[in-house]
N, C-alpha and C. Protein backbone atom coordinates (compact mmCIF):
# COMPACT_ATOMS: atom_id res chain seq x y z
N MET A 1 14.51 -104.19 45.33
CA MET A 1 14.61 -103.46 44.17
C MET A 1 15.62 -103.70 43.54
N PRO A 2 15.70 -103.87 42.07
CA PRO A 2 16.95 -104.18 41.15
C PRO A 2 17.61 -102.66 40.81
N VAL A 3 18.89 -102.74 40.98
CA VAL A 3 19.66 -101.78 40.74
C VAL A 3 19.76 -101.46 39.31
N ALA A 4 19.47 -100.05 38.89
CA ALA A 4 19.57 -99.68 37.75
C ALA A 4 20.87 -100.01 36.81
N GLU A 5 21.11 -100.21 35.50
CA GLU A 5 22.27 -100.44 35.06
C GLU A 5 22.66 -99.13 34.55
N VAL A 6 24.11 -98.78 35.34
CA VAL A 6 24.74 -97.45 34.77
C VAL A 6 25.50 -97.42 33.67
N ARG A 7 24.93 -96.56 32.40
CA ARG A 7 25.99 -96.65 31.35
C ARG A 7 26.63 -95.38 31.13
N THR A 8 27.89 -95.80 30.60
CA THR A 8 28.92 -94.60 30.38
C THR A 8 28.38 -93.80 28.92
N PRO A 9 28.06 -92.66 28.90
CA PRO A 9 27.79 -92.04 27.72
C PRO A 9 28.95 -91.91 26.82
N GLN A 10 29.01 -92.21 25.70
CA GLN A 10 29.95 -92.35 24.27
C GLN A 10 30.26 -90.65 24.43
N ARG A 11 31.99 -90.68 24.33
CA ARG A 11 32.51 -89.45 24.11
C ARG A 11 32.48 -89.00 22.67
N ALA A 12 32.18 -87.84 22.35
CA ALA A 12 32.34 -87.48 20.90
C ALA A 12 33.46 -87.32 20.77
N PRO A 13 34.23 -87.21 19.46
CA PRO A 13 35.82 -87.38 19.04
C PRO A 13 36.07 -85.49 19.34
N GLY A 14 37.10 -85.54 19.98
CA GLY A 14 37.64 -83.98 20.39
C GLY A 14 36.89 -83.62 21.55
N ALA A 15 35.88 -84.28 22.22
CA ALA A 15 35.26 -83.70 23.56
C ALA A 15 35.99 -84.10 24.83
N ILE A 16 36.39 -82.91 25.41
CA ILE A 16 37.06 -82.72 26.60
C ILE A 16 36.79 -84.05 27.93
N ARG A 17 37.56 -84.84 28.10
CA ARG A 17 37.11 -85.89 28.90
C ARG A 17 36.92 -85.78 30.54
N ARG A 18 36.42 -86.28 31.44
CA ARG A 18 36.23 -85.89 32.81
C ARG A 18 37.78 -86.47 33.30
N ARG A 19 37.85 -85.89 34.59
CA ARG A 19 39.34 -85.88 35.31
C ARG A 19 39.54 -87.50 35.49
N ASP A 20 40.25 -88.31 34.88
CA ASP A 20 40.54 -89.44 35.43
C ASP A 20 42.00 -89.51 34.70
N ALA A 21 42.90 -89.73 35.71
CA ALA A 21 44.61 -89.34 35.10
C ALA A 21 44.90 -90.62 34.34
N GLU A 22 44.58 -91.85 34.86
CA GLU A 22 44.91 -93.15 34.09
C GLU A 22 44.35 -93.05 32.82
N ALA A 23 42.87 -92.94 33.04
CA ALA A 23 42.10 -92.97 31.37
C ALA A 23 42.82 -92.00 30.63
N THR A 24 43.06 -90.92 30.91
CA THR A 24 43.48 -89.65 30.20
C THR A 24 44.63 -90.19 29.66
N ARG A 25 45.68 -90.74 30.52
CA ARG A 25 46.93 -90.94 30.00
C ARG A 25 46.98 -92.25 28.81
N ALA A 26 45.88 -92.83 29.06
CA ALA A 26 45.82 -94.15 28.09
C ALA A 26 45.24 -93.68 26.69
N ALA A 27 44.51 -92.94 26.78
CA ALA A 27 43.76 -92.03 25.63
C ALA A 27 44.75 -91.15 24.95
N ILE A 28 45.59 -90.74 25.62
CA ILE A 28 46.92 -90.09 24.86
C ILE A 28 47.65 -90.83 24.11
N LEU A 29 48.01 -91.98 24.79
CA LEU A 29 48.79 -93.05 24.15
C LEU A 29 48.16 -93.70 22.79
N ASP A 30 46.90 -93.96 23.00
CA ASP A 30 46.02 -94.59 21.85
C ASP A 30 46.33 -93.34 20.68
N ALA A 31 45.80 -92.42 21.41
CA ALA A 31 45.83 -91.31 20.10
C ALA A 31 47.08 -91.04 19.16
N ALA A 32 48.34 -91.13 20.20
CA ALA A 32 49.46 -90.88 19.94
C ALA A 32 49.99 -92.12 19.07
N ARG A 33 49.71 -93.38 19.17
CA ARG A 33 49.80 -94.30 18.38
C ARG A 33 49.28 -94.51 16.90
N ASP A 34 47.79 -93.66 16.98
CA ASP A 34 47.23 -93.78 15.77
C ASP A 34 47.92 -92.34 14.94
N GLN A 35 48.20 -91.42 15.69
CA GLN A 35 48.60 -90.26 14.89
C GLN A 35 50.02 -90.58 14.35
N PHE A 36 51.04 -91.04 15.30
CA PHE A 36 52.35 -91.27 14.69
C PHE A 36 52.31 -92.49 13.72
N GLY A 37 50.97 -93.52 13.72
CA GLY A 37 51.35 -94.40 12.85
C GLY A 37 50.74 -94.29 11.37
N ARG A 38 49.79 -92.89 11.42
CA ARG A 38 49.15 -92.64 10.02
C ARG A 38 49.86 -91.39 9.21
N LEU A 39 50.76 -90.56 10.59
CA LEU A 39 51.40 -89.30 9.93
C LEU A 39 52.80 -89.70 9.89
N GLY A 40 53.19 -90.19 10.74
CA GLY A 40 54.82 -90.29 11.12
C GLY A 40 55.19 -89.38 12.55
N TYR A 41 56.18 -89.25 12.53
CA TYR A 41 56.82 -88.77 13.89
C TYR A 41 56.97 -87.25 13.64
N ASP A 42 57.30 -86.72 12.72
CA ASP A 42 57.78 -85.36 11.74
C ASP A 42 56.22 -84.40 11.85
N CYS A 43 55.35 -85.22 11.35
CA CYS A 43 53.99 -84.71 10.86
C CYS A 43 53.20 -84.85 11.91
N THR A 44 53.08 -85.13 12.81
CA THR A 44 52.34 -85.40 14.09
C THR A 44 52.43 -84.16 15.02
N ALA A 45 51.49 -83.53 15.14
CA ALA A 45 51.28 -82.52 16.11
C ALA A 45 50.73 -82.64 17.67
N LEU A 46 51.34 -82.32 18.59
CA LEU A 46 51.11 -82.59 20.01
C LEU A 46 49.50 -82.15 20.25
N ARG A 47 49.22 -80.95 19.75
CA ARG A 47 48.07 -80.44 19.79
C ARG A 47 46.72 -81.31 18.97
N ASP A 48 47.30 -82.29 18.22
CA ASP A 48 46.28 -82.96 17.23
C ASP A 48 46.11 -84.39 18.07
N VAL A 49 47.14 -84.80 18.78
CA VAL A 49 47.17 -85.70 19.87
C VAL A 49 46.06 -85.29 20.83
N ALA A 50 46.51 -84.24 21.22
CA ALA A 50 45.50 -84.36 22.42
C ALA A 50 44.34 -84.03 22.07
N ALA A 51 43.71 -83.17 21.00
CA ALA A 51 42.28 -83.29 20.42
C ALA A 51 41.85 -84.43 20.13
N ALA A 52 42.31 -85.81 19.65
CA ALA A 52 42.01 -87.08 19.31
C ALA A 52 41.66 -87.51 20.80
N ALA A 53 42.61 -87.27 21.82
CA ALA A 53 42.27 -87.85 23.09
C ALA A 53 41.30 -87.20 23.93
N GLY A 54 40.86 -86.20 23.34
CA GLY A 54 39.86 -85.71 24.36
C GLY A 54 40.64 -84.82 25.63
N ALA A 55 41.82 -84.35 25.45
CA ALA A 55 42.61 -83.68 26.41
C ALA A 55 43.29 -82.47 26.21
N ASP A 56 43.67 -81.60 26.96
CA ASP A 56 44.44 -80.70 26.93
C ASP A 56 45.85 -81.03 26.65
N VAL A 57 46.19 -80.36 25.48
CA VAL A 57 47.97 -80.26 25.36
C VAL A 57 48.70 -80.24 26.45
N ALA A 58 48.56 -79.65 27.33
CA ALA A 58 49.47 -79.59 28.47
C ALA A 58 49.61 -80.60 29.08
N LEU A 59 48.70 -81.74 29.21
CA LEU A 59 48.61 -82.77 29.86
C LEU A 59 49.32 -84.00 29.18
N ILE A 60 49.86 -83.77 28.01
CA ILE A 60 51.13 -84.49 27.36
C ILE A 60 52.10 -84.36 27.84
N LYS A 61 52.34 -83.15 28.10
CA LYS A 61 53.85 -82.60 28.76
C LYS A 61 53.84 -82.99 30.08
N ARG A 62 52.39 -83.08 30.87
CA ARG A 62 52.78 -83.32 32.30
C ARG A 62 52.90 -85.09 32.56
N TYR A 63 52.36 -85.81 31.55
CA TYR A 63 52.22 -87.25 31.91
C TYR A 63 53.65 -87.88 30.92
N PHE A 64 53.84 -87.29 30.27
CA PHE A 64 54.94 -88.00 29.08
C PHE A 64 56.29 -86.79 29.04
N GLY A 65 56.27 -85.52 29.11
CA GLY A 65 57.45 -84.65 29.07
C GLY A 65 57.62 -84.26 27.65
N GLY A 66 56.97 -84.60 26.84
CA GLY A 66 57.23 -84.11 25.23
C GLY A 66 57.14 -84.79 24.21
N LYS A 67 57.17 -84.79 23.12
CA LYS A 67 56.81 -85.55 21.95
C LYS A 67 57.77 -86.44 21.86
N GLU A 68 59.07 -86.53 22.21
CA GLU A 68 59.82 -87.73 21.93
C GLU A 68 59.71 -88.77 23.09
N ALA A 69 59.28 -88.34 24.40
CA ALA A 69 58.87 -89.26 25.21
C ALA A 69 57.61 -89.82 25.07
N LEU A 70 56.58 -89.13 24.48
CA LEU A 70 55.54 -89.70 24.00
C LEU A 70 55.53 -90.81 22.94
N PHE A 71 56.30 -90.44 22.32
CA PHE A 71 56.52 -91.52 20.92
C PHE A 71 57.36 -92.75 21.80
N THR A 72 58.26 -92.44 22.43
CA THR A 72 58.98 -93.46 23.28
C THR A 72 57.96 -94.31 23.79
N GLU A 73 57.17 -93.86 24.51
CA GLU A 73 56.20 -94.72 25.41
C GLU A 73 55.02 -95.45 24.47
N ALA A 74 54.55 -94.64 23.52
CA ALA A 74 54.06 -95.28 22.41
C ALA A 74 54.60 -96.59 21.59
N LEU A 75 55.61 -96.58 21.51
CA LEU A 75 56.51 -97.57 21.29
C LEU A 75 56.58 -98.92 21.77
N LYS A 76 56.90 -98.36 23.22
CA LYS A 76 56.91 -99.43 24.19
C LYS A 76 55.52 -100.28 24.23
N VAL A 77 54.62 -99.53 24.16
CA VAL A 77 53.10 -100.00 24.41
C VAL A 77 52.59 -101.03 23.12
N SER A 78 53.65 -100.84 22.16
CA SER A 78 53.11 -101.37 20.86
C SER A 78 53.96 -102.81 20.77
N PHE A 79 54.75 -102.92 21.54
CA PHE A 79 55.17 -104.48 21.94
C PHE A 79 54.66 -104.85 23.26
N ARG A 80 54.00 -105.59 23.07
CA ARG A 80 53.43 -106.54 24.40
C ARG A 80 54.56 -107.09 24.99
N SER A 81 54.90 -106.85 26.29
CA SER A 81 56.25 -107.52 26.82
C SER A 81 55.98 -109.17 26.93
N ASP A 82 54.59 -109.49 27.10
CA ASP A 82 54.57 -110.88 27.30
C ASP A 82 54.20 -111.73 25.77
N PHE A 83 54.62 -111.02 24.48
CA PHE A 83 54.00 -111.44 23.36
C PHE A 83 54.67 -112.95 22.95
N LEU A 84 55.55 -113.53 23.87
CA LEU A 84 55.82 -114.49 23.62
C LEU A 84 55.05 -115.73 24.36
N SER A 85 54.13 -115.24 25.26
CA SER A 85 53.58 -116.31 25.88
C SER A 85 52.39 -116.73 25.03
N ASP A 86 52.47 -115.90 23.89
CA ASP A 86 51.25 -116.76 22.71
C ASP A 86 51.82 -118.04 22.10
N TRP A 87 53.09 -118.21 22.16
CA TRP A 87 53.61 -119.11 21.09
C TRP A 87 54.42 -119.96 21.70
N ASP A 88 54.23 -121.29 21.65
CA ASP A 88 54.92 -122.44 22.08
C ASP A 88 56.50 -122.63 21.21
N LEU A 89 57.13 -122.87 21.75
CA LEU A 89 58.50 -122.84 21.16
C LEU A 89 58.62 -124.11 20.06
N ARG A 90 58.07 -125.32 20.54
CA ARG A 90 57.80 -126.38 19.94
C ARG A 90 57.14 -126.40 18.61
N SER A 91 55.96 -125.55 18.62
CA SER A 91 55.24 -125.42 17.40
C SER A 91 55.47 -124.13 16.72
N PHE A 92 56.46 -123.58 17.10
CA PHE A 92 56.29 -121.99 16.81
C PHE A 92 56.35 -121.76 15.10
N ALA A 93 57.43 -122.74 14.73
CA ALA A 93 57.77 -122.73 13.41
C ALA A 93 56.44 -122.65 12.48
N ARG A 94 55.63 -123.82 12.87
CA ARG A 94 54.27 -123.93 11.79
C ARG A 94 53.40 -123.14 12.23
N ASP A 95 53.02 -122.84 13.30
CA ASP A 95 52.14 -121.76 14.09
C ASP A 95 52.31 -120.34 13.30
N PHE A 96 53.57 -119.67 13.26
CA PHE A 96 53.75 -118.58 12.83
C PHE A 96 53.67 -118.44 10.96
N ALA A 97 54.27 -119.70 10.58
CA ALA A 97 53.98 -119.88 9.16
C ALA A 97 52.32 -120.18 8.76
N THR A 98 51.81 -120.34 9.60
CA THR A 98 50.25 -120.60 9.25
C THR A 98 49.51 -119.06 9.48
N ALA A 99 50.49 -118.38 10.26
CA ALA A 99 49.61 -117.12 10.68
C ALA A 99 49.86 -116.06 9.62
N MET A 100 51.22 -116.44 8.86
CA MET A 100 51.47 -115.42 7.88
C MET A 100 50.84 -115.83 6.72
N ALA A 101 50.54 -116.99 6.27
CA ALA A 101 49.77 -117.19 5.34
C ALA A 101 48.33 -116.66 5.54
N GLY A 102 47.79 -116.01 6.45
CA GLY A 102 46.70 -115.28 6.56
C GLY A 102 46.75 -114.29 5.80
N GLY A 103 45.70 -113.39 6.28
CA GLY A 103 45.38 -112.15 5.92
C GLY A 103 46.05 -111.06 6.97
N PRO A 104 46.38 -109.96 6.72
CA PRO A 104 46.97 -109.02 7.55
C PRO A 104 45.94 -108.27 8.58
N HIS A 105 44.78 -108.33 7.97
CA HIS A 105 43.64 -107.69 8.82
C HIS A 105 42.85 -108.78 9.85
N GLU A 106 43.30 -110.21 9.72
CA GLU A 106 42.72 -110.84 10.74
C GLU A 106 42.87 -110.46 12.02
N ASP A 107 44.27 -109.76 12.33
CA ASP A 107 44.49 -109.43 13.78
C ASP A 107 44.81 -107.69 13.95
N ALA A 108 43.67 -106.84 13.57
CA ALA A 108 43.73 -105.67 13.18
C ALA A 108 44.83 -104.41 14.03
N GLU A 109 44.60 -105.13 15.52
CA GLU A 109 45.23 -104.10 16.55
C GLU A 109 47.12 -104.71 15.94
N ARG A 110 47.28 -106.17 16.10
CA ARG A 110 48.50 -106.24 15.59
C ARG A 110 48.94 -105.73 14.27
N THR A 111 48.04 -105.47 13.52
CA THR A 111 48.69 -105.03 12.03
C THR A 111 48.71 -103.62 12.25
N HIS A 112 47.94 -102.91 12.84
CA HIS A 112 48.17 -101.39 13.27
C HIS A 112 49.34 -101.20 14.03
N SER A 113 49.81 -101.94 14.82
CA SER A 113 51.07 -101.99 15.84
C SER A 113 52.23 -101.82 14.99
N PHE A 114 52.33 -102.92 13.96
CA PHE A 114 53.08 -103.20 12.98
C PHE A 114 53.36 -102.03 12.03
N GLN A 115 52.36 -101.58 11.62
CA GLN A 115 52.78 -100.27 10.68
C GLN A 115 52.87 -99.10 11.23
N PHE A 116 52.74 -99.07 12.65
CA PHE A 116 53.48 -97.78 13.22
C PHE A 116 54.93 -98.07 13.47
N LEU A 117 55.20 -99.11 13.81
CA LEU A 117 56.59 -99.84 13.81
C LEU A 117 57.42 -99.43 12.62
N LEU A 118 56.72 -99.73 11.48
CA LEU A 118 57.35 -99.61 10.05
C LEU A 118 57.59 -98.30 9.69
N ARG A 119 56.66 -97.10 10.23
CA ARG A 119 56.77 -95.83 9.71
C ARG A 119 58.17 -95.35 10.48
N ALA A 120 58.09 -96.00 11.96
CA ALA A 120 58.78 -95.22 12.75
C ALA A 120 60.44 -95.77 12.30
N ALA A 121 60.81 -96.86 11.73
CA ALA A 121 61.83 -97.35 10.99
C ALA A 121 62.23 -96.09 9.94
N THR A 122 61.64 -95.64 9.40
CA THR A 122 61.79 -95.08 8.11
C THR A 122 62.15 -93.53 8.36
N SER A 123 62.07 -93.42 9.61
CA SER A 123 62.63 -91.59 10.03
C SER A 123 63.83 -91.80 10.98
N PRO A 124 64.32 -90.89 10.16
CA PRO A 124 65.82 -90.47 11.03
C PRO A 124 65.86 -90.16 12.32
N SER A 125 64.49 -89.52 12.56
CA SER A 125 64.17 -89.01 14.26
C SER A 125 64.00 -89.92 14.86
N THR A 126 63.15 -90.94 14.47
CA THR A 126 62.71 -92.30 15.53
C THR A 126 63.20 -93.54 15.28
N ALA A 127 64.21 -93.59 14.16
CA ALA A 127 64.98 -95.06 14.23
C ALA A 127 65.37 -95.27 15.32
N PRO A 128 66.54 -94.50 16.11
CA PRO A 128 67.14 -94.61 16.99
C PRO A 128 66.18 -95.31 18.37
N LEU A 129 65.30 -94.50 18.43
CA LEU A 129 64.18 -94.83 19.73
C LEU A 129 63.71 -96.12 19.12
N LEU A 130 63.58 -96.62 17.94
CA LEU A 130 62.66 -97.72 17.57
C LEU A 130 63.72 -99.03 18.04
N ASN A 131 64.98 -98.57 17.46
CA ASN A 131 66.27 -99.59 17.61
C ASN A 131 66.16 -99.88 19.31
N ALA A 132 66.11 -98.91 20.31
CA ALA A 132 66.18 -99.24 21.72
C ALA A 132 64.76 -99.83 21.85
N ALA A 133 63.74 -99.60 21.65
CA ALA A 133 62.69 -100.32 22.05
C ALA A 133 62.71 -101.49 21.48
N ILE A 134 63.32 -101.95 20.34
CA ILE A 134 63.57 -103.22 19.76
C ILE A 134 64.04 -104.16 20.73
N GLN A 135 65.50 -103.62 20.99
CA GLN A 135 66.35 -104.30 21.95
C GLN A 135 65.57 -104.83 23.25
N GLU A 136 64.91 -103.97 23.92
CA GLU A 136 64.53 -104.00 25.19
C GLU A 136 62.94 -105.18 25.25
N ARG A 137 62.07 -104.69 24.30
CA ARG A 137 61.21 -105.28 24.28
C ARG A 137 60.54 -106.40 23.38
N PHE A 138 61.88 -106.84 22.35
CA PHE A 138 61.36 -107.61 21.23
C PHE A 138 62.54 -108.55 21.28
N LEU A 139 63.84 -108.11 21.19
CA LEU A 139 64.85 -108.97 20.83
C LEU A 139 65.43 -109.78 22.42
N GLU A 140 65.50 -108.84 23.42
CA GLU A 140 65.71 -109.75 24.63
C GLU A 140 64.89 -110.90 24.99
N PRO A 141 63.33 -110.84 25.12
CA PRO A 141 62.47 -111.45 25.31
C PRO A 141 62.94 -112.81 24.56
N ILE A 142 62.88 -112.76 23.05
CA ILE A 142 63.41 -113.75 22.29
C ILE A 142 64.68 -114.45 22.52
N ARG A 143 65.68 -113.43 22.93
CA ARG A 143 66.91 -114.28 23.61
C ARG A 143 66.60 -115.20 24.58
N HIS A 144 66.15 -114.68 25.75
CA HIS A 144 65.53 -115.64 26.85
C HIS A 144 64.68 -116.61 26.51
N TRP A 145 64.20 -116.59 25.47
CA TRP A 145 63.03 -117.62 25.12
C TRP A 145 63.84 -118.87 24.76
N LEU A 146 64.68 -118.34 23.53
CA LEU A 146 65.73 -119.38 23.15
C LEU A 146 66.82 -120.01 24.08
N GLY A 147 67.23 -119.26 24.99
CA GLY A 147 67.99 -119.50 26.09
C GLY A 147 69.32 -120.45 25.69
N ASP A 148 69.86 -120.13 24.94
CA ASP A 148 71.66 -120.93 24.90
C ASP A 148 72.39 -119.72 24.39
N ALA A 149 73.92 -120.28 24.03
CA ALA A 149 74.88 -119.14 24.02
C ALA A 149 74.72 -118.56 22.46
N ASP A 150 73.74 -119.53 21.65
CA ASP A 150 73.79 -118.50 20.34
C ASP A 150 72.66 -117.99 20.15
N ALA A 151 71.93 -117.54 21.07
CA ALA A 151 70.41 -117.02 21.00
C ALA A 151 70.72 -115.87 20.71
N PRO A 152 71.53 -114.59 21.14
CA PRO A 152 71.45 -113.43 20.38
C PRO A 152 71.49 -113.42 18.85
N GLY A 153 72.42 -114.14 18.06
CA GLY A 153 72.30 -114.18 16.92
C GLY A 153 71.17 -114.87 16.26
N ARG A 154 70.76 -115.94 16.68
CA ARG A 154 69.43 -116.58 16.20
C ARG A 154 68.16 -115.58 16.70
N ALA A 155 68.28 -114.95 17.64
CA ALA A 155 67.16 -114.19 17.96
C ALA A 155 67.28 -113.16 16.97
N ARG A 156 68.10 -112.39 16.54
CA ARG A 156 68.28 -111.18 15.55
C ARG A 156 67.88 -111.84 14.30
N ALA A 157 68.24 -113.29 13.67
CA ALA A 157 67.83 -113.73 12.61
C ALA A 157 66.31 -114.03 12.70
N LEU A 158 65.88 -114.28 13.74
CA LEU A 158 64.52 -114.85 13.82
C LEU A 158 63.72 -113.54 13.56
N ALA A 159 63.85 -112.55 14.32
CA ALA A 159 63.28 -111.12 14.28
C ALA A 159 63.33 -110.81 12.73
N ALA A 160 64.60 -110.76 12.09
CA ALA A 160 64.33 -110.08 11.02
C ALA A 160 63.80 -110.89 10.04
N ALA A 161 63.69 -112.43 9.96
CA ALA A 161 62.68 -113.14 8.77
C ALA A 161 61.13 -112.96 9.42
N ALA A 162 61.25 -112.61 10.68
CA ALA A 162 59.45 -112.37 11.13
C ALA A 162 59.16 -111.15 10.60
N ILE A 163 60.09 -110.04 10.42
CA ILE A 163 59.66 -108.71 10.14
C ILE A 163 59.32 -108.86 8.69
N GLY A 164 60.39 -109.59 7.66
CA GLY A 164 59.86 -109.67 6.60
C GLY A 164 58.73 -110.41 6.04
N PHE A 165 58.48 -111.61 6.80
CA PHE A 165 57.38 -112.17 6.64
C PHE A 165 55.99 -111.06 6.97
N LEU A 166 55.92 -110.11 8.06
CA LEU A 166 55.27 -109.59 8.20
C LEU A 166 54.74 -108.49 7.00
N VAL A 167 55.94 -108.26 6.36
CA VAL A 167 55.75 -107.18 5.50
C VAL A 167 55.05 -107.79 4.17
N GLU A 168 55.37 -108.75 4.09
CA GLU A 168 55.33 -109.38 2.73
C GLU A 168 53.70 -109.70 2.88
N ARG A 169 53.10 -110.25 3.98
CA ARG A 169 51.87 -110.18 4.30
C ARG A 169 50.92 -108.63 4.23
N LEU A 170 51.45 -108.03 4.83
CA LEU A 170 50.85 -106.34 4.73
C LEU A 170 50.75 -105.96 3.29
N ILE A 171 51.79 -106.42 2.36
CA ILE A 171 51.87 -106.08 1.19
C ILE A 171 50.72 -106.78 0.31
N ARG A 172 50.68 -108.14 0.65
CA ARG A 172 49.91 -108.89 -0.18
C ARG A 172 48.29 -108.67 0.14
N GLY A 173 48.24 -108.35 1.49
CA GLY A 173 46.61 -107.96 1.80
C GLY A 173 45.54 -108.84 2.04
N GLU A 174 46.09 -110.09 1.37
CA GLU A 174 44.85 -111.06 1.47
C GLU A 174 45.27 -112.43 2.06
N ALA A 175 44.74 -113.28 2.39
CA ALA A 175 45.15 -114.71 2.89
C ALA A 175 45.30 -115.58 1.50
N LEU A 176 46.47 -116.38 1.70
CA LEU A 176 46.70 -117.16 0.73
C LEU A 176 45.58 -118.36 0.82
N VAL A 177 45.32 -118.86 -0.49
CA VAL A 177 44.59 -119.97 -0.54
C VAL A 177 45.12 -121.29 -1.47
N GLY A 178 44.57 -122.48 -1.21
CA GLY A 178 45.09 -123.63 -1.99
C GLY A 178 46.25 -124.02 -1.84
N ALA A 179 46.92 -124.49 -2.92
CA ALA A 179 48.28 -125.30 -3.27
C ALA A 179 49.19 -123.78 -2.81
N GLU A 180 49.12 -122.79 -3.00
CA GLU A 180 50.15 -121.92 -2.83
C GLU A 180 50.10 -121.74 -1.21
N ARG A 181 49.26 -121.51 -0.67
CA ARG A 181 49.20 -121.35 0.87
C ARG A 181 49.48 -122.80 1.38
N ASP A 182 49.58 -123.98 0.94
CA ASP A 182 50.23 -125.23 1.52
C ASP A 182 51.76 -124.90 1.14
N ALA A 183 52.01 -124.87 -0.04
CA ALA A 183 53.59 -124.59 -0.11
C ALA A 183 53.98 -123.57 0.49
N PHE A 184 53.55 -122.55 0.48
CA PHE A 184 53.98 -121.29 1.64
C PHE A 184 54.05 -121.83 2.90
N ILE A 185 53.31 -122.41 3.56
CA ILE A 185 53.39 -122.73 5.04
C ILE A 185 54.52 -123.92 5.16
N GLU A 186 54.95 -124.72 4.36
CA GLU A 186 55.79 -125.69 4.44
C GLU A 186 57.16 -125.24 4.44
N HIS A 187 57.52 -124.42 3.09
CA HIS A 187 58.52 -123.66 3.13
C HIS A 187 58.99 -122.72 4.20
N ALA A 188 57.84 -122.03 4.85
CA ALA A 188 58.14 -120.98 5.83
C ALA A 188 58.42 -121.88 7.16
N THR A 189 57.81 -122.94 7.35
CA THR A 189 58.17 -123.54 8.48
C THR A 189 59.20 -124.10 8.64
N ALA A 190 59.72 -124.89 7.16
CA ALA A 190 61.32 -125.41 7.38
C ALA A 190 62.02 -124.57 7.70
N MET A 191 62.13 -122.87 7.00
CA MET A 191 63.02 -121.81 7.44
C MET A 191 63.18 -121.70 8.74
N PHE A 192 61.63 -121.51 9.46
CA PHE A 192 61.81 -121.14 11.08
C PHE A 192 62.39 -122.09 11.77
N GLU A 193 62.26 -123.34 11.51
CA GLU A 193 62.85 -124.68 11.87
C GLU A 193 64.30 -124.57 11.89
N ARG A 194 64.77 -123.89 10.88
CA ARG A 194 66.04 -123.96 10.92
C ARG A 194 66.53 -123.08 11.91
N LEU A 195 66.15 -121.74 11.81
CA LEU A 195 66.57 -120.45 12.81
C LEU A 195 66.21 -120.82 14.31
N LEU A 196 65.31 -121.77 14.30
CA LEU A 196 65.11 -122.00 16.19
C LEU A 196 65.87 -123.09 16.59
N GLY A 197 66.36 -124.12 15.41
CA GLY A 197 67.40 -125.14 15.79
C GLY A 197 68.37 -125.00 16.58
N PRO A 198 69.10 -125.84 17.21
CA PRO A 198 70.28 -125.09 18.15
C PRO A 198 71.35 -125.26 17.30
């Protein structure tokens, strides 16, 4: 006798979810990233995060301790700790330049994470928290990836250039085409090769 497929019913927005600590914690983090990304730290209310996650607001304090700790955790999950595994150091300059010639919405998850980080950078309340997260989850892996005595300075320059390119792509809003795309990729590749060189 075949086993019937069990389907999980879709949860309506704001509906209280069943007890599952790990799933609830993840839902709170997702909702927090969304709320902080759209509204910023100061305008985000924990009750709104809880409602969007389908959880009781008391669970935010239970799992995270409060708004600042929730924000810090949301920052950390915005930086994949293994993000460099997607890149080969030998081809990084051209690969990254090519990605930056594309549109910002080709990878919606990364674009959303970057917008969240930009909003965090503009608030005096959250800029120090962002700086700590960038040191731990972004610059340190790049330093290790570059792996030489000059790596700290090169990592910071590489991060600054990459952030600038990400902002330009976000503002542009669409992929480059034709001769402009080709020239952009060539110049950006040369710039990143200089930053990556010994």
